């Protein structure tokens, strides 16, 4: 069968996008999804995202996200932003969107190539010395350290991702963070499911911004994040111990489109 696809990227976090409103691709076919994400034998991407018909009244569409290993996964922030750009390209939305992903309801706005995505509220941030753990739609271990540019992120990240502390619960994403200046942080991320460093991670930089603020390393409600693939920003409000009105903002662009032959 031939499947039309689109390739999108948000600060280097790249995704295969499929308009699946007509159920062209089965969500249970892990083998095909993994192959589509393969950079040698398929299209290549950090993940694959299906845009499907909404199941919730008032939504514009539904987001279904798969890691590059072919398994359906937790929320992907940059993927959500790219999906909003894809929905606008398809004519489903104009400049605003409401959609449901695996972690619940999201709202978004889009202006040119800049997409802002509202993330979930965050209450529980576990401080672990110079590290923190929190869930921003996906689980993240955040480490504040030095010389992030020189780290072997794949090696060091895998040690934490597969540690006894996390592996029993499905593992965690790992973010290595170095403060550059006030409220600006350099971030490199090891992503589970990809099992390697990615050029950017939306839920990851969201976790970094909130962990930095909670620990006093950031002192404003908007934090700038520099990732290998570009720059993102995260804004938020803090109400008592809960972070609310959390917005992830950055570019999202279509790279190319095509048609791929898949063996059933």
Protein backbone atom coordinates (compact mmCIF):
# COMPACT_ATOMS: atom_id res chain seq x y z
CA UNK A 1 0.00 0.00 0.00
CA UNK A 2 1.06 3.59 -0.63
CA UNK A 3 0.83 6.06 2.25
CA UNK A 4 1.09 9.83 1.74
CA UNK A 5 3.29 11.43 4.41
CA UNK A 6 4.73 14.77 5.45
CA UNK A 7 7.95 15.49 7.30
CA UNK A 8 8.00 18.27 9.92
CA UNK A 9 10.66 19.52 12.30
CA UNK A 10 10.64 21.77 15.36
CA UNK A 11 14.14 22.93 16.39
CA UNK A 12 15.56 19.76 14.84
CA UNK A 13 13.12 17.35 16.51
CA UNK A 14 11.75 15.68 13.36
CA UNK A 15 8.55 13.75 12.79
CA UNK A 16 6.75 11.74 10.13
CA UNK A 17 3.21 13.15 9.88
CA UNK A 18 0.27 11.19 8.47
CA UNK A 19 -3.27 12.45 7.95
CA UNK A 20 -5.02 9.39 9.36
CA UNK A 21 -8.59 10.65 9.36
CA UNK A 22 -9.41 7.90 6.87
CA UNK A 23 -7.54 5.26 8.92
CA UNK A 24 -4.83 4.67 6.31
CA UNK A 25 -2.38 3.33 8.89
CA UNK A 26 -3.16 0.87 11.67
CA UNK A 27 -2.02 2.05 15.10
CA UNK A 28 -1.26 -1.57 15.98
CA UNK A 29 1.32 -2.10 13.25
CA UNK A 30 4.47 -1.47 15.28
CA UNK A 31 6.69 -2.92 12.57
CA UNK A 32 5.58 -0.49 9.87
CA UNK A 33 5.68 2.51 12.20
CA UNK A 34 9.24 1.61 13.28
CA UNK A 35 10.28 1.22 9.64
CA UNK A 36 8.78 4.58 8.64
CA UNK A 37 10.91 6.23 11.35
CA UNK A 38 14.06 4.38 10.30
CA UNK A 39 16.60 6.75 8.72
CA UNK A 40 18.09 3.98 6.54
CA UNK A 41 15.09 1.91 5.48
CA UNK A 42 12.24 4.40 5.80
CA UNK A 43 11.56 8.13 5.91
CA UNK A 44 13.41 8.84 9.14
CA UNK A 45 12.26 10.69 12.22
CA UNK A 46 12.42 10.94 16.00
CA UNK A 47 8.79 9.81 15.98
CA UNK A 48 5.62 9.39 13.95
CA UNK A 49 2.40 11.31 14.54
CA UNK A 50 -1.09 10.50 13.32
CA UNK A 51 -3.62 13.30 12.93
CA UNK A 52 -7.02 11.70 13.51
CA UNK A 53 -10.63 12.80 13.77
CA UNK A 54 -11.52 14.30 17.15
CA UNK A 55 -13.17 12.12 19.75
CA UNK A 56 -13.93 14.97 22.16
CA UNK A 57 -16.62 17.56 21.39
CA UNK A 58 -15.05 20.93 20.63
CA UNK A 59 -11.70 19.49 19.56
CA UNK A 60 -10.25 20.13 16.10
CA UNK A 61 -8.37 16.84 15.89
CA UNK A 62 -6.72 14.06 17.89
CA UNK A 63 -2.97 13.48 18.26
CA UNK A 64 -1.53 9.95 18.37
CA UNK A 65 2.24 9.84 18.92
CA UNK A 66 4.71 6.98 18.42
CA UNK A 67 8.38 6.86 19.34
CA UNK A 68 10.90 5.82 16.70
CA UNK A 69 10.83 2.29 18.14
CA UNK A 70 7.25 1.95 16.86
CA UNK A 71 5.51 2.06 20.24
CA UNK A 72 2.82 4.55 21.19
CA UNK A 73 4.29 6.90 23.74
CA UNK A 74 3.62 9.70 26.17
CA UNK A 75 3.23 13.34 25.13
CA UNK A 76 5.70 14.99 22.75
CA UNK A 77 5.77 18.80 22.99
CA UNK A 78 7.60 19.56 19.76
CA UNK A 79 5.51 16.91 18.03
CA UNK A 80 2.35 18.62 19.24
CA UNK A 81 3.59 21.95 17.91
CA UNK A 82 4.44 20.39 14.55
CA UNK A 83 1.03 18.73 14.41
CA UNK A 84 -0.63 22.12 14.87
CA UNK A 85 1.35 23.43 11.88
CA UNK A 86 0.29 20.33 9.91
CA UNK A 87 -3.37 20.89 10.83
CA UNK A 88 -3.15 24.45 9.54
CA UNK A 89 -1.56 23.21 6.30
CA UNK A 90 -4.47 20.77 5.88
CA UNK A 91 -6.99 23.58 6.43
CA UNK A 92 -8.40 22.07 9.62
CA UNK A 93 -7.57 25.16 11.70
CA UNK A 94 -6.61 28.77 11.14
CA UNK A 95 -4.58 30.39 13.94
CA UNK A 96 -5.84 28.51 17.00
CA UNK A 97 -6.30 24.83 17.84
CA UNK A 98 -7.76 22.59 20.49
CA UNK A 99 -6.84 18.92 20.48
CA UNK A 100 -6.50 15.91 22.73
CA UNK A 101 -3.33 13.85 23.11
CA UNK A 102 -2.50 10.93 25.37
CA UNK A 103 -2.03 13.27 28.36
CA UNK A 104 -5.27 15.19 27.81
CA UNK A 105 -6.45 18.49 26.36
CA UNK A 106 -4.10 21.00 24.70
CA UNK A 107 -4.62 24.43 23.21
CA UNK A 108 -2.31 26.11 20.72
CA UNK A 109 -1.80 29.21 18.64
CA UNK A 110 0.16 29.60 15.40
CA UNK A 111 1.62 32.64 13.69
CA UNK A 112 3.71 32.03 10.58
CA UNK A 113 6.17 29.29 11.63
CA UNK A 114 5.94 30.02 15.36
CA UNK A 115 3.70 27.68 17.37
CA UNK A 116 2.79 28.04 21.04
CA UNK A 117 1.43 24.94 22.78
CA UNK A 118 -0.22 24.88 26.19
CA UNK A 119 1.20 22.06 28.28
CA UNK A 120 -0.32 20.32 31.30
CA UNK A 121 -0.19 21.82 34.79
CA UNK A 122 2.65 20.49 36.94
CA UNK A 123 2.38 20.04 40.70
CA UNK A 124 4.93 17.48 41.74
CA UNK A 125 8.61 18.40 41.26
CA UNK A 126 10.94 16.10 43.18
CA UNK A 127 14.17 17.88 44.08
CA UNK A 128 17.14 15.51 44.10
CA UNK A 129 20.12 17.65 45.08
CA UNK A 130 21.32 19.26 41.87
CA UNK A 131 18.75 17.23 39.93
CA UNK A 132 14.97 17.06 39.73
CA UNK A 133 12.28 14.72 38.45
CA UNK A 134 8.93 15.81 37.06
CA UNK A 135 6.32 14.82 34.50
CA UNK A 136 5.39 17.39 31.84
CA UNK A 137 3.34 14.95 29.79
CA UNK A 138 6.42 12.70 29.66
CA UNK A 139 8.77 11.87 32.56
CA UNK A 140 12.01 13.84 32.80
CA UNK A 141 15.10 13.63 34.97
CA UNK A 142 16.79 17.06 34.93
CA UNK A 143 20.47 17.45 35.88
CA UNK A 144 22.04 20.89 36.36
CA UNK A 145 25.74 20.55 35.59
CA UNK A 146 28.66 22.13 33.74
CA UNK A 147 30.36 21.43 30.41
CA UNK A 148 27.12 20.11 28.88
CA UNK A 149 28.53 20.76 25.41
CA UNK A 150 31.26 18.17 26.03
CA UNK A 151 29.09 15.39 27.47
CA UNK A 152 28.51 12.01 25.86
CA UNK A 153 24.74 12.39 26.21
CA UNK A 154 23.87 8.99 24.74
CA UNK A 155 26.16 7.16 27.17
CA UNK A 156 25.42 9.22 30.27
CA UNK A 157 21.71 9.44 29.55
CA UNK A 158 21.33 5.70 29.08
CA UNK A 159 22.84 5.05 32.52
CA UNK A 160 20.07 7.08 34.16
CA UNK A 161 17.30 6.01 31.78
CA UNK A 162 17.96 2.32 32.58
CA UNK A 163 18.82 2.80 36.26
CA UNK A 164 17.01 0.80 38.94
CA UNK A 165 15.32 4.02 40.02
CA UNK A 166 13.43 4.36 36.73
CA UNK A 167 13.54 1.21 34.61
CA UNK A 168 10.74 -0.59 36.45
CA UNK A 169 8.36 2.26 35.52
CA UNK A 170 9.27 2.40 31.85
CA UNK A 171 12.37 4.55 32.13
CA UNK A 172 12.75 8.31 31.87
CA UNK A 173 14.02 10.99 29.54
CA UNK A 174 17.18 12.70 30.76
CA UNK A 175 18.07 16.40 30.38
CA UNK A 176 21.56 17.79 30.97
CA UNK A 177 21.41 21.53 31.70
CA UNK A 178 23.97 24.33 31.96
CA UNK A 179 22.97 27.92 32.85
CA UNK A 180 24.30 30.36 30.24
CA UNK A 181 23.04 33.61 31.73
CA UNK A 182 20.06 34.77 33.78
CA UNK A 183 16.99 32.71 32.80
CA UNK A 184 18.77 31.16 29.81
CA UNK A 185 19.82 27.51 29.80
CA UNK A 186 21.67 25.20 27.44
CA UNK A 187 19.86 21.83 27.25
CA UNK A 188 20.82 18.46 25.76
CA UNK A 189 18.36 15.58 26.01
CA UNK A 190 18.47 11.79 25.90
CA UNK A 191 15.05 10.53 24.78
CA UNK A 192 13.69 7.13 25.66
CA UNK A 193 12.11 5.40 22.67
CA UNK A 194 14.70 7.04 20.44
CA UNK A 195 17.41 5.76 22.82
CA UNK A 196 19.76 8.51 21.78
CA UNK A 197 20.23 12.26 21.98
CA UNK A 198 17.76 14.33 19.96
CA UNK A 199 18.36 17.86 18.76
CA UNK A 200 15.44 19.11 20.84
CA UNK A 201 12.74 17.88 23.22
CA UNK A 202 9.65 19.97 23.98
CA UNK A 203 8.51 18.25 27.15
CA UNK A 204 12.18 18.22 28.17
CA UNK A 205 12.77 21.96 27.93
CA UNK A 206 9.43 22.49 29.68
CA UNK A 207 10.68 20.31 32.52
CA UNK A 208 13.97 22.21 32.61
CA UNK A 209 12.26 25.61 32.80
CA UNK A 210 9.98 24.56 35.66
CA UNK A 211 12.74 22.75 37.55
CA UNK A 212 15.00 25.80 37.18
CA UNK A 213 12.31 28.09 38.56
CA UNK A 214 11.40 25.72 41.41
CA UNK A 215 15.06 25.52 42.49
CA UNK A 216 15.65 29.28 42.23
CA UNK A 217 17.97 29.03 39.23
CA UNK A 218 15.46 31.04 37.16
CA UNK A 219 13.70 34.09 38.56
CA UNK A 220 11.24 35.07 35.82
CA UNK A 221 8.11 33.42 34.43
CA UNK A 222 9.60 33.09 30.95
CA UNK A 223 12.70 30.97 30.41
CA UNK A 224 14.83 30.72 27.27
CA UNK A 225 16.14 27.27 26.30
CA UNK A 226 18.99 26.75 23.85
CA UNK A 227 19.04 23.27 22.31
CA UNK A 228 21.28 21.83 19.57
CA UNK A 229 18.49 22.44 17.05
CA UNK A 230 17.69 26.06 17.94
CA UNK A 231 15.86 28.02 20.62
CA UNK A 232 12.59 27.56 22.51
CA UNK A 233 10.89 29.45 25.30
CA UNK A 234 8.64 28.33 28.14
CA UNK A 235 6.31 30.65 30.03
CA UNK A 236 4.19 29.80 33.07
CA UNK A 237 2.46 30.97 36.22
CA UNK A 238 2.97 29.58 39.71
CA UNK A 239 -0.09 29.28 41.90
CA UNK A 240 0.84 28.01 45.36
CA UNK A 241 2.93 24.92 44.51
CA UNK A 242 1.38 24.30 41.08
CA UNK A 243 2.72 25.52 37.74
CA UNK A 244 -0.19 26.53 35.51
CA UNK A 245 -0.70 28.23 32.15
CA UNK A 246 2.47 26.55 30.87
CA UNK A 247 3.23 27.41 27.23
CA UNK A 248 5.97 26.00 25.01
CA UNK A 249 6.87 28.25 22.06
CA UNK A 250 9.14 27.74 19.07
CA UNK A 251 9.29 27.18 15.30
CA UNK A 252 7.62 24.30 13.47
CA UNK A 253 8.16 23.80 9.76
CA UNK A 254 7.27 21.41 6.96
CA UNK A 255 10.42 19.92 5.43
CA UNK A 256 9.06 17.75 2.62
CA UNK A 257 6.21 15.50 1.59
CA UNK A 258 5.96 12.28 -0.35
CA UNK A 259 4.47 8.83 -0.71
CA UNK A 260 5.97 5.65 0.67
CA UNK A 261 5.23 2.03 -0.19
CA UNK A 262 4.56 -0.14 2.87
CA UNK A 263 4.33 -3.91 2.90
CA UNK A 264 1.31 -5.01 4.92
